[in-house]
């Protein structure tokens, strides 16, 4: 795998409180056509969740999100993460992600941040927080002057506005959590999550 951006039209962004939910949740997403999941490093359960999915569901591409430090890069890789996503970047964090050998998406929200990464040879980026930072209109404006940059926007993306993003030439995929509502996870409503994932996966076909 060379790029995160080609994994799926929608990357589910998941915050898990209980690592025991990781495998059934990832299986439900895969059954719905999204065999990829970003587990955010926002809870104590995150690394165990990544480890469980990597061990039990090898056909599901599990990655670590909200990667903030070089230490987290190492911990995520050791747990079995197959890609890394960060809301931003620093020189130290970028060096660690490059050194990990894993595909990664560093976060940007401005043209200058994008240019700085393009200078370093990094063209696959996360646009965050997408809606607050200018939304689809902002990315549309960047497409012409910065044609090498490709984005996965996250932050405020839902089923209603995802198609507008996916229609852009510089947006291969979006990230969001609308197909994994916390209530459904708490209630173990895996069939509901599979249906939401199926609808989300269909957005890519519609955009194409």
C-alpha atoms as a PDB file:
ATOM      1  CA  UNK A   1       0.000   0.000   0.000  1.00  0.00           C
ATOM      2  CA  UNK A   2       1.589   3.248  -1.147  1.00  0.00           C
ATOM      3  CA  UNK A   3      -1.172   5.727  -0.348  1.00  0.00           C
ATOM      4  CA  UNK A   4      -3.976   6.123   2.154  1.00  0.00           C
ATOM      5  CA  UNK A   5      -6.043   8.021  -0.387  1.00  0.00           C
ATOM      6  CA  UNK A   6      -6.934   5.023  -2.522  1.00  0.00           C
ATOM      7  CA  UNK A   7      -8.225   2.774   0.250  1.00  0.00           C
ATOM      8  CA  UNK A   8     -11.906   3.725   0.094  1.00  0.00           C
ATOM      9  CA  UNK A   9     -14.049   6.736  -0.866  1.00  0.00           C
ATOM     10  CA  UNK A  10     -14.849   7.189   2.823  1.00  0.00           C
ATOM     11  CA  UNK A  11     -12.497   6.385   5.687  1.00  0.00           C
ATOM     12  CA  UNK A  12     -14.430   5.727   8.904  1.00  0.00           C
ATOM     13  CA  UNK A  13     -12.986   7.743  11.787  1.00  0.00           C
ATOM     14  CA  UNK A  14     -13.583   5.865  15.028  1.00  0.00           C
ATOM     15  CA  UNK A  15     -13.212   6.778  18.694  1.00  0.00           C
ATOM     16  CA  UNK A  16     -13.437   3.595  20.774  1.00  0.00           C
ATOM     17  CA  UNK A  17     -13.897   3.468  24.516  1.00  0.00           C
ATOM     18  CA  UNK A  18     -13.742  -0.336  24.714  1.00  0.00           C
ATOM     19  CA  UNK A  19     -11.229  -2.371  22.732  1.00  0.00           C
ATOM     20  CA  UNK A  20     -13.637  -5.329  22.819  1.00  0.00           C
ATOM     21  CA  UNK A  21     -15.798  -3.463  20.316  1.00  0.00           C
ATOM     22  CA  UNK A  22     -12.995  -3.101  17.787  1.00  0.00           C
ATOM     23  CA  UNK A  23     -13.266  -6.369  15.874  1.00  0.00           C
ATOM     24  CA  UNK A  24     -17.075  -6.524  15.553  1.00  0.00           C
ATOM     25  CA  UNK A  25     -17.124  -2.858  14.540  1.00  0.00           C
ATOM     26  CA  UNK A  26     -14.444  -3.306  11.892  1.00  0.00           C
ATOM     27  CA  UNK A  27     -16.206  -6.436  10.621  1.00  0.00           C
ATOM     28  CA  UNK A  28     -19.479  -4.505  10.339  1.00  0.00           C
ATOM     29  CA  UNK A  29     -17.767  -1.755   8.340  1.00  0.00           C
ATOM     30  CA  UNK A  30     -16.145  -4.301   6.022  1.00  0.00           C
ATOM     31  CA  UNK A  31     -19.454  -6.102   5.526  1.00  0.00           C
ATOM     32  CA  UNK A  32     -20.860  -2.754   4.390  1.00  0.00           C
ATOM     33  CA  UNK A  33     -18.102  -2.217   1.854  1.00  0.00           C
ATOM     34  CA  UNK A  34     -15.605  -0.178   3.879  1.00  0.00           C
ATOM     35  CA  UNK A  35     -12.710  -2.537   4.734  1.00  0.00           C
ATOM     36  CA  UNK A  36     -10.699   0.297   6.259  1.00  0.00           C
ATOM     37  CA  UNK A  37     -10.882   1.993   9.645  1.00  0.00           C
ATOM     38  CA  UNK A  38      -9.009   4.803  11.342  1.00  0.00           C
ATOM     39  CA  UNK A  39      -8.832   4.289  15.110  1.00  0.00           C
ATOM     40  CA  UNK A  40      -8.071   7.632  16.707  1.00  0.00           C
ATOM     41  CA  UNK A  41      -5.503   7.700  19.510  1.00  0.00           C
ATOM     42  CA  UNK A  42      -7.837   9.656  21.772  1.00  0.00           C
ATOM     43  CA  UNK A  43      -8.671   6.952  24.291  1.00  0.00           C
ATOM     44  CA  UNK A  44      -6.700   4.418  26.357  1.00  0.00           C
ATOM     45  CA  UNK A  45      -8.378   1.634  24.346  1.00  0.00           C
ATOM     46  CA  UNK A  46      -7.070   2.798  20.970  1.00  0.00           C
ATOM     47  CA  UNK A  47      -3.825   0.820  20.689  1.00  0.00           C
ATOM     48  CA  UNK A  48      -5.451  -2.366  21.952  1.00  0.00           C
ATOM     49  CA  UNK A  49      -8.234  -1.836  19.407  1.00  0.00           C
ATOM     50  CA  UNK A  50      -5.710  -1.487  16.579  1.00  0.00           C
ATOM     51  CA  UNK A  51      -3.875  -4.562  17.808  1.00  0.00           C
ATOM     52  CA  UNK A  52      -7.075  -6.645  17.887  1.00  0.00           C
ATOM     53  CA  UNK A  53      -8.177  -5.669  14.375  1.00  0.00           C
ATOM     54  CA  UNK A  54      -4.700  -6.258  12.941  1.00  0.00           C
ATOM     55  CA  UNK A  55      -4.600  -9.702  14.567  1.00  0.00           C
ATOM     56  CA  UNK A  56      -8.141 -10.933  13.894  1.00  0.00           C
ATOM     57  CA  UNK A  57      -9.092  -9.198  10.634  1.00  0.00           C
ATOM     58  CA  UNK A  58      -6.040  -9.146   8.357  1.00  0.00           C
ATOM     59  CA  UNK A  59      -8.167  -8.154   5.356  1.00  0.00           C
ATOM     60  CA  UNK A  60      -9.239  -4.926   7.076  1.00  0.00           C
ATOM     61  CA  UNK A  61      -6.811  -2.032   6.755  1.00  0.00           C
ATOM     62  CA  UNK A  62      -6.564  -0.524  10.220  1.00  0.00           C
ATOM     63  CA  UNK A  63      -4.769   2.747  10.812  1.00  0.00           C
ATOM     64  CA  UNK A  64      -4.064   5.157  13.635  1.00  0.00           C
ATOM     65  CA  UNK A  65      -5.528   8.641  13.668  1.00  0.00           C
ATOM     66  CA  UNK A  66      -4.885  11.697  15.818  1.00  0.00           C
ATOM     67  CA  UNK A  67      -1.177  10.836  15.750  1.00  0.00           C
ATOM     68  CA  UNK A  68       0.477  13.760  17.523  1.00  0.00           C
ATOM     69  CA  UNK A  69       3.992  12.686  18.548  1.00  0.00           C
ATOM     70  CA  UNK A  70       6.905  10.605  17.276  1.00  0.00           C
ATOM     71  CA  UNK A  71       6.338   8.195  20.167  1.00  0.00           C
ATOM     72  CA  UNK A  72       2.776   7.595  18.977  1.00  0.00           C
ATOM     73  CA  UNK A  73       4.098   6.825  15.499  1.00  0.00           C
ATOM     74  CA  UNK A  74       6.186   4.034  16.980  1.00  0.00           C
ATOM     75  CA  UNK A  75       3.436   2.733  19.248  1.00  0.00           C
ATOM     76  CA  UNK A  76       0.888   2.673  16.445  1.00  0.00           C
ATOM     77  CA  UNK A  77       3.229   0.817  14.131  1.00  0.00           C
ATOM     78  CA  UNK A  78       4.072  -1.713  16.824  1.00  0.00           C
ATOM     79  CA  UNK A  79       0.352  -2.312  17.422  1.00  0.00           C
ATOM     80  CA  UNK A  80      -0.161  -3.172  13.763  1.00  0.00           C
ATOM     81  CA  UNK A  81      -1.386   0.092  12.260  1.00  0.00           C
ATOM     82  CA  UNK A  82      -1.027   0.058   8.493  1.00  0.00           C
ATOM     83  CA  UNK A  83      -1.336   3.809   8.004  1.00  0.00           C
ATOM     84  CA  UNK A  84      -1.047   6.994  10.067  1.00  0.00           C
ATOM     85  CA  UNK A  85      -3.152  10.152  10.063  1.00  0.00           C
ATOM     86  CA  UNK A  86      -2.410  13.367  11.947  1.00  0.00           C
ATOM     87  CA  UNK A  87      -4.451  16.566  12.340  1.00  0.00           C
ATOM     88  CA  UNK A  88      -1.309  18.603  11.663  1.00  0.00           C
ATOM     89  CA  UNK A  89       2.444  18.240  11.407  1.00  0.00           C
ATOM     90  CA  UNK A  90       5.774  19.401  12.770  1.00  0.00           C
ATOM     91  CA  UNK A  91       9.236  18.645  11.444  1.00  0.00           C
ATOM     92  CA  UNK A  92       9.803  16.023  14.166  1.00  0.00           C
ATOM     93  CA  UNK A  93       6.447  14.347  13.599  1.00  0.00           C
ATOM     94  CA  UNK A  94       6.912  14.379   9.833  1.00  0.00           C
ATOM     95  CA  UNK A  95      10.370  12.801  10.166  1.00  0.00           C
ATOM     96  CA  UNK A  96       8.932  10.042  12.369  1.00  0.00           C
ATOM     97  CA  UNK A  97       6.088   9.315   9.953  1.00  0.00           C
ATOM     98  CA  UNK A  98       8.482   9.233   7.000  1.00  0.00           C
ATOM     99  CA  UNK A  99      10.789   6.929   8.949  1.00  0.00           C
ATOM    100  CA  UNK A 100       7.960   4.546   9.865  1.00  0.00           C
ATOM    101  CA  UNK A 101       7.662   3.215   6.329  1.00  0.00           C
ATOM    102  CA  UNK A 102       3.876   3.458   6.623  1.00  0.00           C
ATOM    103  CA  UNK A 103       1.610   5.519   4.367  1.00  0.00           C
ATOM    104  CA  UNK A 104       0.528   8.658   6.201  1.00  0.00           C
ATOM    105  CA  UNK A 105      -1.541  11.799   5.888  1.00  0.00           C
ATOM    106  CA  UNK A 106      -0.268  14.907   7.680  1.00  0.00           C
ATOM    107  CA  UNK A 107      -2.910  17.516   8.338  1.00  0.00           C
ATOM    108  CA  UNK A 108      -3.034  20.961   6.733  1.00  0.00           C
ATOM    109  CA  UNK A 109      -5.542  23.787   6.687  1.00  0.00           C
ATOM    110  CA  UNK A 110      -3.759  26.486   4.666  1.00  0.00           C
ATOM    111  CA  UNK A 111      -2.034  26.927   1.309  1.00  0.00           C
ATOM    112  CA  UNK A 112       1.264  27.711   3.067  1.00  0.00           C
ATOM    113  CA  UNK A 113       1.186  24.464   5.060  1.00  0.00           C
ATOM    114  CA  UNK A 114       0.420  22.602   1.862  1.00  0.00           C
ATOM    115  CA  UNK A 115       3.326  24.264   0.054  1.00  0.00           C
ATOM    116  CA  UNK A 116       5.706  23.375   2.881  1.00  0.00           C
ATOM    117  CA  UNK A 117       4.817  19.692   2.522  1.00  0.00           C
ATOM    118  CA  UNK A 118       4.978  19.770  -1.256  1.00  0.00           C
ATOM    119  CA  UNK A 119       8.530  21.121  -0.920  1.00  0.00           C
ATOM    120  CA  UNK A 120       9.326  18.033   1.153  1.00  0.00           C
ATOM    121  CA  UNK A 121       7.857  15.703  -1.470  1.00  0.00           C
ATOM    122  CA  UNK A 122       4.663  14.937   0.458  1.00  0.00           C
ATOM    123  CA  UNK A 123       1.603  15.204  -1.789  1.00  0.00           C
ATOM    124  CA  UNK A 124      -1.054  13.169   0.081  1.00  0.00           C
ATOM    125  CA  UNK A 125      -2.578  15.309   2.814  1.00  0.00           C
ATOM    126  CA  UNK A 126      -5.398  15.504   5.306  1.00  0.00           C
ATOM    127  CA  UNK A 127      -7.439  18.725   5.149  1.00  0.00           C
ATOM    128  CA  UNK A 128      -8.561  19.475   8.704  1.00  0.00           C
ATOM    129  CA  UNK A 129     -10.813  20.813  10.087  1.00  0.00           C
ATOM    130  CA  UNK A 130     -12.444  20.746   6.678  1.00  0.00           C
ATOM    131  CA  UNK A 131     -15.685  22.609   7.193  1.00  0.00           C
ATOM    132  CA  UNK A 132     -14.217  25.157   9.606  1.00  0.00           C
ATOM    133  CA  UNK A 133     -11.185  25.773   7.359  1.00  0.00           C
ATOM    134  CA  UNK A 134     -13.156  26.696   4.254  1.00  0.00           C
ATOM    135  CA  UNK A 135     -14.811  23.503   3.124  1.00  0.00           C
ATOM    136  CA  UNK A 136     -15.132  22.264  -0.422  1.00  0.00           C
ATOM    137  CA  UNK A 137     -14.889  25.794  -1.819  1.00  0.00           C
ATOM    138  CA  UNK A 138     -11.406  26.184  -0.329  1.00  0.00           C
ATOM    139  CA  UNK A 139     -10.163  22.902  -1.766  1.00  0.00           C
ATOM    140  CA  UNK A 140     -11.663  23.788  -5.133  1.00  0.00           C
ATOM    141  CA  UNK A 141      -9.656  27.008  -5.070  1.00  0.00           C
ATOM    142  CA  UNK A 142      -6.428  25.113  -4.331  1.00  0.00           C
ATOM    143  CA  UNK A 143      -6.835  22.624  -7.181  1.00  0.00           C
ATOM    144  CA  UNK A 144      -5.537  24.899  -9.934  1.00  0.00           C
ATOM    145  CA  UNK A 145      -2.483  26.518  -8.274  1.00  0.00           C
ATOM    146  CA  UNK A 146      -1.485  23.360  -6.350  1.00  0.00           C
ATOM    147  CA  UNK A 147      -2.387  20.483  -8.692  1.00  0.00           C
ATOM    148  CA  UNK A 148       0.018  17.986  -7.080  1.00  0.00           C
ATOM    149  CA  UNK A 149      -1.690  18.158  -3.698  1.00  0.00           C
ATOM    150  CA  UNK A 150      -4.361  15.573  -2.972  1.00  0.00           C
ATOM    151  CA  UNK A 151      -6.550  15.749   0.103  1.00  0.00           C
ATOM    152  CA  UNK A 152      -8.657  13.651   2.436  1.00  0.00           C
ATOM    153  CA  UNK A 153     -10.858  16.239   4.140  1.00  0.00           C
ATOM    154  CA  UNK A 154     -12.163  15.450   7.619  1.00  0.00           C
ATOM    155  CA  UNK A 155     -13.919  17.499  10.265  1.00  0.00           C
ATOM    156  CA  UNK A 156     -17.587  18.246   9.772  1.00  0.00           C
ATOM    157  CA  UNK A 157     -17.998  15.799   6.893  1.00  0.00           C
ATOM    158  CA  UNK A 158     -21.279  13.893   6.761  1.00  0.00           C
ATOM    159  CA  UNK A 159     -23.475  12.029   4.307  1.00  0.00           C
ATOM    160  CA  UNK A 160     -24.996  15.298   3.087  1.00  0.00           C
ATOM    161  CA  UNK A 161     -21.820  17.204   2.189  1.00  0.00           C
ATOM    162  CA  UNK A 162     -19.459  14.314   1.363  1.00  0.00           C
ATOM    163  CA  UNK A 163     -20.577  14.156  -2.312  1.00  0.00           C
ATOM    164  CA  UNK A 164     -19.559  17.788  -2.862  1.00  0.00           C
ATOM    165  CA  UNK A 165     -16.045  17.007  -1.631  1.00  0.00           C
ATOM    166  CA  UNK A 166     -15.763  13.743  -3.554  1.00  0.00           C
ATOM    167  CA  UNK A 167     -16.656  15.534  -6.785  1.00  0.00           C
ATOM    168  CA  UNK A 168     -13.481  17.645  -6.542  1.00  0.00           C
ATOM    169  CA  UNK A 169     -10.477  16.592  -8.662  1.00  0.00           C
ATOM    170  CA  UNK A 170      -8.086  16.851  -5.698  1.00  0.00           C
ATOM    171  CA  UNK A 171     -10.212  14.820  -3.244  1.00  0.00           C
ATOM    172  CA  UNK A 172      -9.970  11.022  -3.683  1.00  0.00           C
ATOM    173  CA  UNK A 173     -11.644  10.319  -0.335  1.00  0.00           C
ATOM    174  CA  UNK A 174     -13.122  11.872   2.787  1.00  0.00           C
ATOM    175  CA  UNK A 175     -12.979  10.911   6.442  1.00  0.00           C
ATOM    176  CA  UNK A 176     -15.952  10.913   8.770  1.00  0.00           C
ATOM    177  CA  UNK A 177     -17.699   9.238  11.651  1.00  0.00           C
ATOM    178  CA  UNK A 178     -21.342   9.431  10.599  1.00  0.00           C
ATOM    179  CA  UNK A 179     -21.422   5.706   9.771  1.00  0.00           C
ATOM    180  CA  UNK A 180     -20.209   4.806  13.282  1.00  0.00           C
ATOM    181  CA  UNK A 181     -22.522   6.764  15.626  1.00  0.00           C
ATOM    182  CA  UNK A 182     -21.522   6.353  19.256  1.00  0.00           C
ATOM    183  CA  UNK A 183     -25.008   5.171  20.194  1.00  0.00           C
ATOM    184  CA  UNK A 184     -24.828   2.328  17.684  1.00  0.00           C
ATOM    185  CA  UNK A 185     -21.399   1.306  18.973  1.00  0.00           C
ATOM    186  CA  UNK A 186     -22.597   1.352  22.599  1.00  0.00           C
ATOM    187  CA  UNK A 187     -25.652  -0.738  21.671  1.00  0.00           C
ATOM    188  CA  UNK A 188     -23.608  -3.090  19.465  1.00  0.00           C
ATOM    189  CA  UNK A 189     -25.932  -2.315  16.565  1.00  0.00           C
ATOM    190  CA  UNK A 190     -23.542  -3.820  14.035  1.00  0.00           C
ATOM    191  CA  UNK A 191     -26.200  -4.348  11.343  1.00  0.00           C
ATOM    192  CA  UNK A 192     -27.063  -0.656  11.492  1.00  0.00           C
ATOM    193  CA  UNK A 193     -23.401   0.267  11.104  1.00  0.00           C
ATOM    194  CA  UNK A 194     -23.095  -2.072   8.120  1.00  0.00           C
ATOM    195  CA  UNK A 195     -26.046  -0.348   6.431  1.00  0.00           C
ATOM    196  CA  UNK A 196     -24.560   3.091   7.084  1.00  0.00           C
ATOM    197  CA  UNK A 197     -21.214   1.884   5.730  1.00  0.00           C
ATOM    198  CA  UNK A 198     -22.915   0.534   2.615  1.00  0.00           C
ATOM    199  CA  UNK A 199     -24.508   3.906   1.946  1.00  0.00           C
ATOM    200  CA  UNK A 200     -21.198   5.670   2.542  1.00  0.00           C
ATOM    201  CA  UNK A 201     -19.322   3.338   0.189  1.00  0.00           C
ATOM    202  CA  UNK A 202     -21.896   4.078  -2.505  1.00  0.00           C
ATOM    203  CA  UNK A 203     -20.976   7.776  -2.380  1.00  0.00           C
ATOM    204  CA  UNK A 204     -17.737   6.998  -4.149  1.00  0.00           C
ATOM    205  CA  UNK A 205     -19.476   5.262  -7.002  1.00  0.00           C
ATOM    206  CA  UNK A 206     -21.873   8.177  -7.344  1.00  0.00           C
ATOM    207  CA  UNK A 207     -19.001  10.670  -7.416  1.00  0.00           C
ATOM    208  CA  UNK A 208     -17.156   8.617 -10.015  1.00  0.00           C
END
